Amino acid sequence: MGEAGDSRAYLRVVNGILSEIRSGALSIGSRLPPERSLAEVYGVSRNSVREAMHVLEVLGAIDSTQGAGHFVNDHSTDSLVELLSIMFLLQDTDFRALSELRYALESRALALAQENASDQDRAHLREIIETLDRGGDEARNVALDKDLHYTIARASGNKLIVQVLDALSAVLDRFIADLRQDIMASDAGKERLQEAHRRIAGSVLSGDTADGLDALAEHFRLIDLRLKARQAGNTSAETTGRRPS
């Protein structure tokens, strides 16, 4: 099979399949050829093909169904969420590190969105801000908050930024419930957050990079303050033997 002594032969299959997905030769929902065919195409053993299928499934690139075969999927964001969650649980990272990464990516997304946002993106940002200004149900405002950040990420035109930001947001939501409600607990916090959103969205509409980045920095200062407060509360609870609320 041409792979004697090659313990990484499966990577030929992984790289080949990923290349076909990137080129469009394989699209979402496409069924991969049988394992026997893949072994012949890539000159590897069927064991190497099975190992490659396992790697691709972990990456979220395919779904494997017993008796049905392997299909191209798009669960890369889900896989990234799980990876980041595991890193957090193993204490290889923390909330501050996740927040700092999100800040860095959103800063770049904002600059790109100012260049690449479509008329539809700009109209949607105006609609989000107008709706937030009217106040109303807090659950709806949380959804609008997320929508604002997602719209800017999407408007950047960089799909990888969108995927990573989606994953970071999901991990923070998974482990830090009601973070936005914490910030909104006081009228001052609520107004600071809303003003930051106005300026962030407004910078995409006006192209004012400096003001947008300054507003984004304010947005993440509010998040960092709440993260520090929660960390202090958890530390206090551990010291006194009480569980944090």
Protein backbone atom coordinates (compact mmCIF):
# COMPACT_ATOMS: atom_id res chain seq x y z
CA MET A 1 0.00 0.00 0.00
CA GLY A 2 3.03 2.28 0.00
CA GLU A 3 2.82 3.18 3.68
CA ALA A 4 5.11 0.66 5.35
CA GLY A 5 6.67 2.33 8.35
CA ASP A 6 4.62 5.49 7.76
CA SER A 7 2.66 6.00 10.98
CA ARG A 8 1.15 9.22 9.62
CA ALA A 9 -0.22 7.84 6.36
CA TYR A 10 -3.73 8.76 7.51
CA LEU A 11 -2.76 12.44 7.16
CA ARG A 12 -2.66 12.00 3.39
CA VAL A 13 -6.34 11.15 3.52
CA VAL A 14 -7.17 13.95 5.99
CA ASN A 15 -5.36 16.58 3.93
CA GLY A 16 -6.82 15.26 0.69
CA ILE A 17 -10.41 15.37 1.94
CA LEU A 18 -9.96 18.83 3.49
CA SER A 19 -8.46 20.06 0.21
CA GLU A 20 -11.50 18.80 -1.72
CA ILE A 21 -13.83 20.52 0.75
CA ARG A 22 -11.94 23.82 0.44
CA SER A 23 -11.94 23.63 -3.37
CA GLY A 24 -15.67 22.90 -3.50
CA ALA A 25 -15.20 19.45 -5.02
CA LEU A 26 -16.95 18.18 -1.87
CA SER A 27 -19.79 20.26 -0.45
CA ILE A 28 -21.83 20.02 2.76
CA GLY A 29 -23.96 16.89 2.60
CA SER A 30 -21.69 15.13 0.08
CA ARG A 31 -21.15 11.44 0.75
CA LEU A 32 -17.50 10.36 0.77
CA PRO A 33 -16.45 7.37 -1.34
CA PRO A 34 -16.34 3.99 0.43
CA GLU A 35 -13.29 3.29 2.59
CA ARG A 36 -11.98 0.74 0.08
CA SER A 37 -12.03 3.39 -2.68
CA LEU A 38 -10.35 5.99 -0.48
CA ALA A 39 -7.62 3.48 0.40
CA GLU A 40 -6.93 2.94 -3.31
CA VAL A 41 -7.03 6.64 -4.20
CA TYR A 42 -4.59 7.67 -1.45
CA GLY A 43 -2.46 4.53 -1.49
CA VAL A 44 -3.00 3.70 2.17
CA SER A 45 -4.47 0.84 4.17
CA ARG A 46 -8.13 0.77 5.20
CA ASN A 47 -6.96 1.14 8.81
CA SER A 48 -5.36 4.46 7.85
CA VAL A 49 -8.61 5.51 6.15
CA ARG A 50 -10.57 4.68 9.31
CA GLU A 51 -8.09 6.68 11.39
CA ALA A 52 -8.47 9.61 8.98
CA MET A 53 -12.27 9.42 9.23
CA HIS A 54 -12.00 9.59 13.02
CA VAL A 55 -9.78 12.68 12.83
CA LEU A 56 -12.11 14.39 10.35
CA GLU A 57 -15.09 13.63 12.57
CA VAL A 58 -13.35 15.11 15.62
CA LEU A 59 -12.55 18.21 13.54
CA GLY A 60 -16.24 18.52 12.70
CA ALA A 61 -15.58 18.14 8.97
CA ILE A 62 -17.64 14.97 8.54
CA ASP A 63 -20.42 12.97 10.15
CA SER A 64 -20.11 9.19 10.22
CA THR A 65 -23.22 7.02 10.36
CA GLN A 66 -23.02 3.27 10.85
CA GLY A 67 -24.18 1.56 7.68
CA ALA A 68 -24.68 4.83 5.79
CA GLY A 69 -21.11 6.08 5.40
CA HIS A 70 -19.30 9.37 5.88
CA PHE A 71 -20.80 12.75 4.95
CA VAL A 72 -19.30 16.25 4.76
CA ASN A 73 -20.64 18.38 7.58
CA ASP A 74 -20.06 21.80 9.09
CA HIS A 75 -19.67 21.26 12.84
CA SER A 76 -16.28 22.96 13.08
CA THR A 77 -17.65 25.59 15.46
CA ASP A 78 -19.18 22.89 17.71
CA SER A 79 -15.84 21.09 17.83
CA LEU A 80 -14.03 24.31 18.71
CA VAL A 81 -16.54 24.96 21.52
CA GLU A 82 -15.83 21.52 22.94
CA LEU A 83 -12.06 22.02 22.66
CA LEU A 84 -12.16 25.40 24.42
CA SER A 85 -14.49 23.98 27.08
CA ILE A 86 -12.11 21.11 27.77
CA MET A 87 -9.17 23.52 27.98
CA PHE A 88 -11.09 25.59 30.49
CA LEU A 89 -12.11 22.59 32.59
CA LEU A 90 -8.51 21.34 32.62
CA GLN A 91 -7.46 24.85 33.71
CA ASP A 92 -5.26 25.31 30.64
CA THR A 93 -7.05 28.63 30.11
CA ASP A 94 -9.45 30.91 31.95
CA PHE A 95 -12.26 33.37 31.31
CA ARG A 96 -9.89 36.31 31.07
CA ALA A 97 -7.85 34.56 28.37
CA LEU A 98 -11.02 33.78 26.41
CA SER A 99 -12.22 37.36 26.77
CA GLU A 100 -8.85 38.75 25.68
CA LEU A 101 -8.87 36.56 22.56
CA ARG A 102 -12.40 37.64 21.77
CA TYR A 103 -11.38 41.30 22.19
CA ALA A 104 -8.47 40.89 19.79
CA LEU A 105 -10.63 39.20 17.16
CA GLU A 106 -13.48 41.68 17.50
CA SER A 107 -11.05 44.58 17.10
CA ARG A 108 -9.89 43.18 13.78
CA ALA A 109 -13.43 42.26 12.74
CA LEU A 110 -14.55 45.84 13.41
CA ALA A 111 -11.82 47.30 11.20
CA LEU A 112 -12.63 44.84 8.41
CA ALA A 113 -16.38 45.46 8.74
CA GLN A 114 -15.85 49.17 8.18
CA GLU A 115 -14.33 48.27 4.80
CA ASN A 116 -16.50 45.32 3.80
CA ALA A 117 -19.97 45.80 5.35
CA SER A 118 -22.80 45.57 2.83
CA ASP A 119 -25.78 47.92 2.72
CA GLN A 120 -27.79 45.10 4.30
CA ASP A 121 -25.29 44.79 7.17
CA ARG A 122 -25.41 48.54 7.80
CA ALA A 123 -29.21 48.62 7.73
CA HIS A 124 -29.36 45.72 10.18
CA LEU A 125 -26.96 47.44 12.60
CA ARG A 126 -29.16 50.57 12.54
CA GLU A 127 -32.19 48.42 13.28
CA ILE A 128 -30.47 46.68 16.22
CA ILE A 129 -29.44 49.98 17.83
CA GLU A 130 -32.89 51.52 17.35
CA THR A 131 -34.50 48.47 18.96
CA LEU A 132 -32.05 48.50 21.89
CA ASP A 133 -32.74 52.22 22.40
CA ARG A 134 -36.42 51.45 22.86
CA GLY A 135 -35.59 49.22 25.83
CA GLY A 136 -37.98 46.39 26.55
CA ASP A 137 -37.59 42.74 27.46
CA GLU A 138 -34.10 41.91 28.74
CA ALA A 139 -34.01 38.49 27.07
CA ARG A 140 -34.63 40.18 23.76
CA ASN A 141 -31.90 42.72 24.46
CA VAL A 142 -29.43 39.91 25.19
CA ALA A 143 -30.27 38.39 21.81
CA LEU A 144 -29.86 41.79 20.12
CA ASP A 145 -26.49 42.28 21.84
CA LYS A 146 -25.26 38.98 20.39
CA ASP A 147 -26.76 39.82 17.01
CA LEU A 148 -24.86 43.12 16.92
CA HIS A 149 -21.51 41.44 17.53
CA TYR A 150 -22.31 38.62 15.11
CA THR A 151 -23.36 41.07 12.38
CA ILE A 152 -20.07 42.93 12.67
CA ALA A 153 -18.09 39.67 12.60
CA ARG A 154 -19.98 38.49 9.52
CA ALA A 155 -19.54 41.89 7.84
CA SER A 156 -15.77 41.49 8.24
CA GLY A 157 -15.88 38.98 5.40
CA ASN A 158 -13.58 36.60 7.30
CA LYS A 159 -15.38 33.30 7.94
CA LEU A 160 -12.70 32.05 10.34
CA ILE A 161 -13.18 35.10 12.57
CA VAL A 162 -16.93 34.39 12.61
CA GLN A 163 -16.41 30.75 13.59
CA VAL A 164 -13.92 31.45 16.37
CA LEU A 165 -16.00 34.31 17.81
CA ASP A 166 -19.10 32.09 17.75
CA ALA A 167 -17.19 29.43 19.67
CA LEU A 168 -15.82 31.89 22.23
CA SER A 169 -19.28 33.35 22.80
CA ALA A 170 -20.75 29.88 23.27
CA VAL A 171 -18.08 28.90 25.82
CA LEU A 172 -18.57 32.09 27.82
CA ASP A 173 -22.34 31.51 27.76
CA ARG A 174 -21.84 27.91 28.86
CA PHE A 175 -19.74 28.76 31.92
CA ILE A 176 -20.79 32.32 32.80
CA ALA A 177 -24.54 32.62 32.92
CA ASP A 178 -26.19 36.03 32.89
CA LEU A 179 -23.01 38.06 32.42
CA ARG A 180 -24.90 40.78 30.56
CA GLN A 181 -27.52 40.94 33.33
CA ASP A 182 -24.72 41.57 35.81
CA ILE A 183 -23.52 44.54 33.78
CA MET A 184 -27.09 45.82 33.40
CA ALA A 185 -27.80 45.53 37.13
CA SER A 186 -27.14 49.24 37.62
CA ASP A 187 -28.45 52.09 35.50
CA ALA A 188 -24.86 53.31 35.05
CA GLY A 189 -23.69 49.93 33.76
CA LYS A 190 -26.68 49.68 31.47
CA GLU A 191 -26.06 53.11 29.94
CA ARG A 192 -22.32 52.50 29.53
CA LEU A 193 -22.97 49.22 27.72
CA GLN A 194 -25.64 50.75 25.50
CA GLU A 195 -23.46 53.73 24.64
CA ALA A 196 -20.60 51.37 23.76
CA HIS A 197 -22.92 49.49 21.42
CA ARG A 198 -24.10 52.71 19.77
CA ARG A 199 -20.53 53.79 19.10
CA ILE A 200 -19.36 50.35 17.93
CA ALA A 201 -22.20 50.08 15.42
CA GLY A 202 -21.88 53.75 14.51
CA SER A 203 -18.21 53.33 13.64
CA VAL A 204 -19.12 50.71 11.01
CA LEU A 205 -21.58 53.19 9.51
CA SER A 206 -19.22 56.18 9.64
CA GLY A 207 -15.85 54.48 9.17
CA ASP A 208 -14.50 56.10 12.35
CA THR A 209 -12.01 53.39 13.32
CA ALA A 210 -10.57 55.23 16.34
CA ASP A 211 -13.95 55.81 17.98
CA GLY A 212 -15.08 52.25 17.24
CA LEU A 213 -11.98 50.73 18.81
CA ASP A 214 -12.29 53.04 21.83
CA ALA A 215 -15.92 51.95 22.28
CA LEU A 216 -14.94 48.30 21.93
CA ALA A 217 -12.28 48.79 24.61
CA GLU A 218 -14.98 50.24 26.90
CA HIS A 219 -17.23 47.27 26.15
CA PHE A 220 -14.53 44.81 27.21
CA ARG A 221 -13.61 46.89 30.28
CA LEU A 222 -17.18 46.33 31.48
CA ILE A 223 -16.86 42.60 30.82
CA ASP A 224 -13.51 42.41 32.62
CA LEU A 225 -14.94 44.21 35.66
CA ARG A 226 -17.71 41.63 35.94
CA LEU A 227 -15.29 38.73 35.39
CA LYS A 228 -13.06 40.06 38.18
CA ALA A 229 -16.07 40.47 40.46
CA ARG A 230 -17.21 36.93 39.80
CA GLN A 231 -13.72 35.55 40.32
CA ALA A 232 -13.47 37.43 43.63
CA GLY A 233 -16.87 36.07 44.66
CA ASN A 234 -15.85 32.51 43.83
CA THR A 235 -12.56 32.89 45.72
CA SER A 236 -14.40 34.26 48.75
CA ALA A 237 -16.86 31.39 48.66
CA GLU A 238 -14.05 28.84 48.46
CA THR A 239 -12.23 30.51 51.39
CA THR A 240 -15.30 30.45 53.63
CA GLY A 241 -16.41 27.03 52.51
CA ARG A 242 -19.58 28.38 50.85
CA ARG A 243 -20.62 27.65 47.30
CA PRO A 244 -20.92 30.72 45.05
CA SER A 245 -24.45 31.71 44.19
